[in-house]
Amino acid sequence: MRSRIIVGAVLLLGALALGTVETRGDGVGPEKRWAVVEFVYPVQIGNSVVMGRYLVVHDDARMARGEPCASIRRLDPKKGPQEEVVSFHCQRVQRPVAGRTILTVASSRTPGVRRLIEYQFAGDTEGHGIPPAR
């Protein structure tokens, strides 16, 4: 009887340890991540120039199918997400964990307009680089 309890406890601990090992590492986040951002000055994203409130979405399932994984949608405060302004294949870059959503901009060829070159969602360890406009 005592040996059955010991064997049962060892099997239970082994199952718990296996579950812990299998849930570690990157790739355990949600398949689709998004953030609401507001551009207070004109910003170029791909071939589009945006200003105002937008929804930035990254979809791992679309990436796995070879489709553009990132999209930027205009956001109406009363109606929610509207038309897609731009979509693209992002370029993943490892970064330290972000405490908040980070948008990285650089100067552009157009005076007064900045260019979005990367975004990173709060709590994520990946930055998502934006390919240059064609």
N, C-alpha and C. Protein backbone atom coordinates (compact mmCIF):
# COMPACT_ATOMS: atom_id res chain seq x y z
N MET A 1 0.82 -1.18 0.00
CA MET A 1 0.00 0.00 0.00
C MET A 1 0.87 1.25 0.00
N ARG A 2 1.90 1.23 0.85
CA ARG A 2 2.78 2.38 0.94
C ARG A 2 3.54 2.62 -0.37
N SER A 3 3.96 1.53 -1.02
CA SER A 3 4.68 1.67 -2.28
C SER A 3 3.77 2.24 -3.38
N ARG A 4 2.48 1.94 -3.34
CA ARG A 4 1.54 2.50 -4.33
C ARG A 4 1.44 4.01 -4.16
N ILE A 5 1.42 4.48 -2.95
CA ILE A 5 1.33 5.92 -2.68
C ILE A 5 2.60 6.61 -3.18
N ILE A 6 3.75 6.01 -2.90
CA ILE A 6 5.02 6.60 -3.33
C ILE A 6 5.08 6.62 -4.86
N VAL A 7 4.74 5.53 -5.52
CA VAL A 7 4.76 5.46 -6.99
C VAL A 7 3.77 6.48 -7.57
N GLY A 8 2.60 6.59 -6.98
CA GLY A 8 1.60 7.56 -7.44
C GLY A 8 2.10 8.99 -7.31
N ALA A 9 2.76 9.28 -6.18
CA ALA A 9 3.30 10.63 -5.97
C ALA A 9 4.41 10.93 -6.97
N VAL A 10 5.28 9.97 -7.24
CA VAL A 10 6.35 10.16 -8.20
C VAL A 10 5.78 10.39 -9.61
N LEU A 11 4.76 9.61 -9.99
CA LEU A 11 4.13 9.80 -11.29
C LEU A 11 3.45 11.16 -11.40
N LEU A 12 2.80 11.59 -10.35
CA LEU A 12 2.15 12.90 -10.34
C LEU A 12 3.18 14.02 -10.47
N LEU A 13 4.27 13.94 -9.72
CA LEU A 13 5.32 14.95 -9.82
C LEU A 13 5.95 14.95 -11.22
N GLY A 14 6.15 13.77 -11.78
CA GLY A 14 6.70 13.68 -13.13
C GLY A 14 5.79 14.33 -14.16
N ALA A 15 4.48 14.10 -14.03
CA ALA A 15 3.53 14.71 -14.97
C ALA A 15 3.52 16.22 -14.82
N LEU A 16 3.58 16.73 -13.59
CA LEU A 16 3.61 18.17 -13.37
C LEU A 16 4.90 18.78 -13.93
N ALA A 17 6.02 18.09 -13.73
CA ALA A 17 7.29 18.60 -14.25
C ALA A 17 7.28 18.62 -15.77
N LEU A 18 6.73 17.59 -16.41
CA LEU A 18 6.64 17.54 -17.86
C LEU A 18 5.77 18.68 -18.37
N GLY A 19 4.67 18.95 -17.72
CA GLY A 19 3.80 20.06 -18.12
C GLY A 19 4.50 21.39 -18.00
N THR A 20 5.33 21.55 -16.98
CA THR A 20 6.07 22.79 -16.80
C THR A 20 7.09 22.97 -17.91
N VAL A 21 7.80 21.93 -18.27
CA VAL A 21 8.80 22.01 -19.32
C VAL A 21 8.14 22.32 -20.66
N GLU A 22 6.99 21.74 -20.94
CA GLU A 22 6.34 21.93 -22.22
C GLU A 22 5.73 23.31 -22.39
N THR A 23 5.50 24.05 -21.33
CA THR A 23 4.88 25.37 -21.47
C THR A 23 5.88 26.50 -21.38
N ARG A 24 7.16 26.20 -21.29
CA ARG A 24 8.18 27.25 -21.23
C ARG A 24 8.54 27.74 -22.62
N GLY A 25 9.14 28.94 -22.67
CA GLY A 25 9.72 29.42 -23.91
C GLY A 25 8.81 30.37 -24.67
N ASP A 26 9.36 30.91 -25.76
CA ASP A 26 8.62 31.82 -26.61
C ASP A 26 7.57 31.05 -27.39
N GLY A 27 6.66 31.77 -27.98
CA GLY A 27 5.64 31.13 -28.79
C GLY A 27 4.43 30.70 -28.00
N VAL A 28 4.33 31.06 -26.73
CA VAL A 28 3.17 30.69 -25.94
C VAL A 28 2.19 31.84 -25.82
N GLY A 29 2.48 32.96 -26.49
CA GLY A 29 1.60 34.11 -26.45
C GLY A 29 0.41 33.91 -27.37
N PRO A 30 -0.47 34.88 -27.39
CA PRO A 30 -1.66 34.77 -28.24
C PRO A 30 -1.28 34.78 -29.72
N GLU A 31 -2.13 34.15 -30.52
CA GLU A 31 -1.89 34.06 -31.96
C GLU A 31 -2.04 35.41 -32.63
N LYS A 32 -2.94 36.24 -32.09
CA LYS A 32 -3.19 37.56 -32.67
C LYS A 32 -3.01 38.60 -31.57
N ARG A 33 -2.15 39.58 -31.84
CA ARG A 33 -1.92 40.67 -30.88
C ARG A 33 -2.29 41.98 -31.55
N TRP A 34 -2.73 42.94 -30.73
CA TRP A 34 -3.13 44.22 -31.29
C TRP A 34 -2.93 45.33 -30.27
N ALA A 35 -2.88 46.55 -30.77
CA ALA A 35 -2.78 47.73 -29.91
C ALA A 35 -3.45 48.90 -30.62
N VAL A 36 -4.07 49.76 -29.84
CA VAL A 36 -4.63 51.00 -30.35
C VAL A 36 -3.55 52.07 -30.18
N VAL A 37 -3.23 52.76 -31.27
CA VAL A 37 -2.21 53.80 -31.23
C VAL A 37 -2.77 55.08 -31.83
N GLU A 38 -2.22 56.20 -31.41
CA GLU A 38 -2.62 57.48 -31.99
C GLU A 38 -1.39 58.20 -32.51
N PHE A 39 -1.43 58.51 -33.79
CA PHE A 39 -0.36 59.26 -34.42
C PHE A 39 -0.76 60.73 -34.37
N VAL A 40 -0.03 61.54 -33.60
CA VAL A 40 -0.38 62.95 -33.43
C VAL A 40 0.28 63.83 -34.48
N TYR A 41 1.11 63.24 -35.32
CA TYR A 41 1.73 63.93 -36.44
C TYR A 41 1.73 62.95 -37.61
N PRO A 42 1.87 63.42 -38.84
CA PRO A 42 1.84 62.52 -40.00
C PRO A 42 2.97 61.48 -39.94
N VAL A 43 2.59 60.23 -40.16
CA VAL A 43 3.55 59.12 -40.13
C VAL A 43 3.35 58.27 -41.38
N GLN A 44 4.45 57.97 -42.05
CA GLN A 44 4.42 57.12 -43.24
C GLN A 44 4.56 55.67 -42.80
N ILE A 45 3.64 54.82 -43.30
CA ILE A 45 3.71 53.38 -43.08
C ILE A 45 3.59 52.74 -44.46
N GLY A 46 4.68 52.18 -44.95
CA GLY A 46 4.67 51.68 -46.32
C GLY A 46 4.49 52.84 -47.28
N ASN A 47 3.49 52.75 -48.13
CA ASN A 47 3.21 53.83 -49.08
C ASN A 47 2.11 54.77 -48.61
N SER A 48 1.61 54.58 -47.38
CA SER A 48 0.53 55.40 -46.85
C SER A 48 1.04 56.36 -45.79
N VAL A 49 0.39 57.53 -45.70
CA VAL A 49 0.68 58.48 -44.63
C VAL A 49 -0.58 58.56 -43.78
N VAL A 50 -0.41 58.35 -42.47
CA VAL A 50 -1.55 58.30 -41.55
C VAL A 50 -1.40 59.34 -40.46
N MET A 51 -2.52 59.68 -39.88
CA MET A 51 -2.55 60.57 -38.72
C MET A 51 -3.87 60.31 -38.02
N GLY A 52 -3.84 60.20 -36.70
CA GLY A 52 -5.05 59.90 -35.95
C GLY A 52 -4.94 58.58 -35.23
N ARG A 53 -6.10 57.98 -34.94
CA ARG A 53 -6.16 56.74 -34.16
C ARG A 53 -6.26 55.53 -35.09
N TYR A 54 -5.42 54.51 -34.80
CA TYR A 54 -5.35 53.31 -35.63
C TYR A 54 -5.22 52.07 -34.77
N LEU A 55 -5.59 50.93 -35.36
CA LEU A 55 -5.46 49.63 -34.73
C LEU A 55 -4.32 48.90 -35.43
N VAL A 56 -3.28 48.53 -34.68
CA VAL A 56 -2.14 47.79 -35.21
C VAL A 56 -2.34 46.33 -34.81
N VAL A 57 -2.34 45.43 -35.80
CA VAL A 57 -2.62 44.01 -35.55
C VAL A 57 -1.50 43.16 -36.11
N HIS A 58 -1.08 42.15 -35.33
CA HIS A 58 -0.13 41.14 -35.83
C HIS A 58 -0.77 39.78 -35.66
N ASP A 59 -0.82 39.00 -36.75
CA ASP A 59 -1.51 37.71 -36.77
C ASP A 59 -0.53 36.60 -37.14
N ASP A 60 -0.16 35.77 -36.15
CA ASP A 60 0.79 34.67 -36.39
C ASP A 60 0.24 33.63 -37.36
N ALA A 61 -1.07 33.40 -37.36
CA ALA A 61 -1.65 32.41 -38.27
C ALA A 61 -1.49 32.85 -39.72
N ARG A 62 -1.69 34.13 -39.98
CA ARG A 62 -1.49 34.64 -41.34
C ARG A 62 -0.01 34.51 -41.73
N MET A 63 0.88 34.78 -40.78
CA MET A 63 2.32 34.66 -41.05
C MET A 63 2.66 33.22 -41.42
N ALA A 64 2.10 32.25 -40.70
CA ALA A 64 2.38 30.84 -40.96
C ALA A 64 1.89 30.42 -42.35
N ARG A 65 0.84 31.07 -42.85
CA ARG A 65 0.32 30.76 -44.19
C ARG A 65 1.05 31.53 -45.28
N GLY A 66 2.03 32.37 -44.91
CA GLY A 66 2.78 33.15 -45.89
C GLY A 66 2.09 34.43 -46.31
N GLU A 67 1.04 34.81 -45.61
CA GLU A 67 0.31 36.04 -45.91
C GLU A 67 0.90 37.20 -45.11
N PRO A 68 0.59 38.44 -45.51
CA PRO A 68 1.04 39.57 -44.70
C PRO A 68 0.50 39.44 -43.27
N CYS A 69 1.39 39.48 -42.30
CA CYS A 69 1.01 39.20 -40.92
C CYS A 69 0.62 40.45 -40.14
N ALA A 70 0.98 41.61 -40.64
CA ALA A 70 0.71 42.86 -39.92
C ALA A 70 -0.25 43.71 -40.72
N SER A 71 -1.15 44.37 -40.00
CA SER A 71 -2.07 45.29 -40.67
C SER A 71 -2.33 46.49 -39.79
N ILE A 72 -2.59 47.60 -40.45
CA ILE A 72 -2.92 48.85 -39.77
C ILE A 72 -4.32 49.24 -40.26
N ARG A 73 -5.26 49.40 -39.32
CA ARG A 73 -6.64 49.76 -39.67
C ARG A 73 -6.99 51.09 -39.03
N ARG A 74 -7.69 51.93 -39.79
CA ARG A 74 -8.21 53.18 -39.23
C ARG A 74 -9.20 52.80 -38.14
N LEU A 75 -9.22 53.57 -37.06
CA LEU A 75 -10.09 53.26 -35.92
C LEU A 75 -11.02 54.43 -35.66
N ASP A 76 -12.30 54.17 -35.78
CA ASP A 76 -13.32 55.17 -35.47
C ASP A 76 -13.74 54.94 -34.03
N PRO A 77 -13.66 55.97 -33.16
CA PRO A 77 -13.97 55.78 -31.74
C PRO A 77 -15.38 55.24 -31.49
N LYS A 78 -16.33 55.55 -32.37
CA LYS A 78 -17.71 55.11 -32.17
C LYS A 78 -18.03 53.80 -32.88
N LYS A 79 -17.39 53.56 -34.04
CA LYS A 79 -17.71 52.38 -34.84
C LYS A 79 -16.69 51.27 -34.74
N GLY A 80 -15.51 51.55 -34.18
CA GLY A 80 -14.47 50.54 -34.07
C GLY A 80 -13.57 50.50 -35.29
N PRO A 81 -12.89 49.36 -35.53
CA PRO A 81 -11.95 49.26 -36.65
C PRO A 81 -12.66 49.46 -37.99
N GLN A 82 -12.02 50.20 -38.88
CA GLN A 82 -12.58 50.49 -40.19
C GLN A 82 -11.68 49.85 -41.26
N GLU A 83 -11.50 50.51 -42.37
CA GLU A 83 -10.76 49.94 -43.50
C GLU A 83 -9.28 49.74 -43.15
N GLU A 84 -8.72 48.75 -43.80
CA GLU A 84 -7.29 48.48 -43.66
C GLU A 84 -6.54 49.51 -44.50
N VAL A 85 -5.59 50.18 -43.88
CA VAL A 85 -4.80 51.19 -44.57
C VAL A 85 -3.60 50.56 -45.25
N VAL A 86 -2.96 49.62 -44.55
CA VAL A 86 -1.77 48.97 -45.09
C VAL A 86 -1.60 47.61 -44.41
N SER A 87 -1.06 46.64 -45.16
CA SER A 87 -0.67 45.35 -44.58
C SER A 87 0.69 44.98 -45.16
N PHE A 88 1.44 44.18 -44.42
CA PHE A 88 2.80 43.85 -44.86
C PHE A 88 3.32 42.65 -44.09
N HIS A 89 4.40 42.08 -44.60
CA HIS A 89 5.15 41.02 -43.91
C HIS A 89 6.14 41.72 -42.99
N CYS A 90 6.02 41.52 -41.70
CA CYS A 90 6.94 42.18 -40.77
C CYS A 90 8.28 41.43 -40.74
N GLN A 91 9.26 42.08 -40.18
CA GLN A 91 10.59 41.49 -39.99
C GLN A 91 10.82 41.41 -38.49
N ARG A 92 10.73 40.21 -37.93
CA ARG A 92 10.85 40.03 -36.48
C ARG A 92 12.26 40.30 -35.99
N VAL A 93 12.33 40.99 -34.85
CA VAL A 93 13.60 41.33 -34.22
C VAL A 93 13.47 41.07 -32.73
N GLN A 94 14.41 40.33 -32.14
CA GLN A 94 14.37 40.08 -30.70
C GLN A 94 14.70 41.35 -29.93
N ARG A 95 13.90 41.65 -28.92
CA ARG A 95 14.06 42.84 -28.08
C ARG A 95 13.83 42.44 -26.63
N PRO A 96 14.26 43.29 -25.70
CA PRO A 96 13.88 43.06 -24.30
C PRO A 96 12.36 43.24 -24.16
N VAL A 97 11.78 42.67 -23.13
CA VAL A 97 10.34 42.78 -22.90
C VAL A 97 9.94 44.25 -22.81
N ALA A 98 8.90 44.61 -23.54
CA ALA A 98 8.42 46.00 -23.54
C ALA A 98 7.39 46.18 -22.44
N GLY A 99 7.54 47.22 -21.65
CA GLY A 99 6.58 47.53 -20.61
C GLY A 99 5.31 48.17 -21.16
N ARG A 100 5.40 48.72 -22.36
CA ARG A 100 4.25 49.34 -23.04
C ARG A 100 4.47 49.18 -24.54
N THR A 101 3.46 49.46 -25.32
CA THR A 101 3.61 49.38 -26.77
C THR A 101 4.57 50.47 -27.23
N ILE A 102 5.53 50.08 -28.07
CA ILE A 102 6.57 51.00 -28.53
C ILE A 102 6.47 51.15 -30.05
N LEU A 103 6.44 52.38 -30.51
CA LEU A 103 6.48 52.69 -31.94
C LEU A 103 7.79 53.40 -32.22
N THR A 104 8.59 52.87 -33.11
CA THR A 104 9.87 53.48 -33.44
C THR A 104 9.74 54.18 -34.80
N VAL A 105 10.05 55.48 -34.81
CA VAL A 105 9.95 56.25 -36.04
C VAL A 105 11.31 56.82 -36.42
N ALA A 106 11.44 57.15 -37.70
CA ALA A 106 12.66 57.77 -38.22
C ALA A 106 12.23 58.88 -39.17
N SER A 107 13.18 59.69 -39.55
CA SER A 107 12.85 60.76 -40.50
C SER A 107 12.55 60.13 -41.86
N SER A 108 11.82 60.87 -42.66
CA SER A 108 11.50 60.39 -44.01
C SER A 108 11.99 61.44 -45.02
N ARG A 109 11.81 61.15 -46.29
CA ARG A 109 12.22 62.08 -47.34
C ARG A 109 11.27 63.27 -47.42
N THR A 110 10.06 63.11 -46.89
CA THR A 110 9.07 64.19 -46.93
C THR A 110 9.18 65.04 -45.67
N PRO A 111 9.40 66.35 -45.80
CA PRO A 111 9.50 67.21 -44.61
C PRO A 111 8.21 67.17 -43.79
N GLY A 112 8.36 67.08 -42.48
CA GLY A 112 7.22 67.07 -41.58
C GLY A 112 6.55 65.73 -41.41
N VAL A 113 7.04 64.71 -42.10
CA VAL A 113 6.46 63.37 -42.00
C VAL A 113 7.53 62.42 -41.47
N ARG A 114 7.18 61.65 -40.48
CA ARG A 114 8.09 60.62 -39.96
C ARG A 114 7.68 59.27 -40.54
N ARG A 115 8.58 58.31 -40.46
CA ARG A 115 8.35 56.98 -41.03
C ARG A 115 8.38 55.95 -39.90
N LEU A 116 7.34 55.14 -39.79
CA LEU A 116 7.30 54.07 -38.79
C LEU A 116 8.19 52.95 -39.27
N ILE A 117 9.19 52.57 -38.46
CA ILE A 117 10.12 51.52 -38.89
C ILE A 117 9.98 50.23 -38.06
N GLU A 118 9.34 50.34 -36.88
CA GLU A 118 9.17 49.14 -36.05
C GLU A 118 8.12 49.40 -34.99
N TYR A 119 7.42 48.33 -34.59
CA TYR A 119 6.52 48.42 -33.44
C TYR A 119 6.74 47.19 -32.57
N GLN A 120 6.43 47.34 -31.29
CA GLN A 120 6.55 46.23 -30.34
C GLN A 120 5.40 46.35 -29.35
N PHE A 121 4.68 45.26 -29.15
CA PHE A 121 3.54 45.26 -28.24
C PHE A 121 4.00 45.15 -26.78
N ALA A 122 3.22 45.73 -25.90
CA ALA A 122 3.51 45.65 -24.46
C ALA A 122 3.58 44.19 -24.04
N GLY A 123 4.60 43.84 -23.24
CA GLY A 123 4.77 42.49 -22.74
C GLY A 123 5.39 41.52 -23.73
N ASP A 124 5.73 41.98 -24.91
CA ASP A 124 6.28 41.11 -25.95
C ASP A 124 7.80 41.23 -26.01
N THR A 125 8.46 40.16 -26.49
CA THR A 125 9.91 40.18 -26.64
C THR A 125 10.34 40.31 -28.09
N GLU A 126 9.39 40.59 -28.97
CA GLU A 126 9.71 40.75 -30.38
C GLU A 126 9.29 42.13 -30.87
N GLY A 127 10.19 42.75 -31.62
CA GLY A 127 9.85 43.93 -32.36
C GLY A 127 9.44 43.48 -33.75
N HIS A 128 8.62 44.27 -34.42
CA HIS A 128 8.14 43.93 -35.75
C HIS A 128 8.57 45.04 -36.70
N GLY A 129 9.62 44.76 -37.47
CA GLY A 129 10.15 45.74 -38.40
C GLY A 129 9.23 45.90 -39.60
N ILE A 130 9.15 47.12 -40.09
CA ILE A 130 8.28 47.43 -41.23
C ILE A 130 9.16 47.63 -42.46
N PRO A 131 8.87 46.90 -43.54
CA PRO A 131 9.69 47.06 -44.74
C PRO A 131 9.54 48.46 -45.32
N PRO A 132 10.58 48.99 -45.95
CA PRO A 132 10.50 50.34 -46.53
C PRO A 132 9.49 50.38 -47.68
N ALA A 133 8.98 51.57 -47.94
CA ALA A 133 8.03 51.75 -49.05
C ALA A 133 8.73 51.48 -50.37
N ARG A 134 7.96 51.03 -51.32
CA ARG A 134 8.52 50.72 -52.65
C ARG A 134 8.26 51.85 -53.59
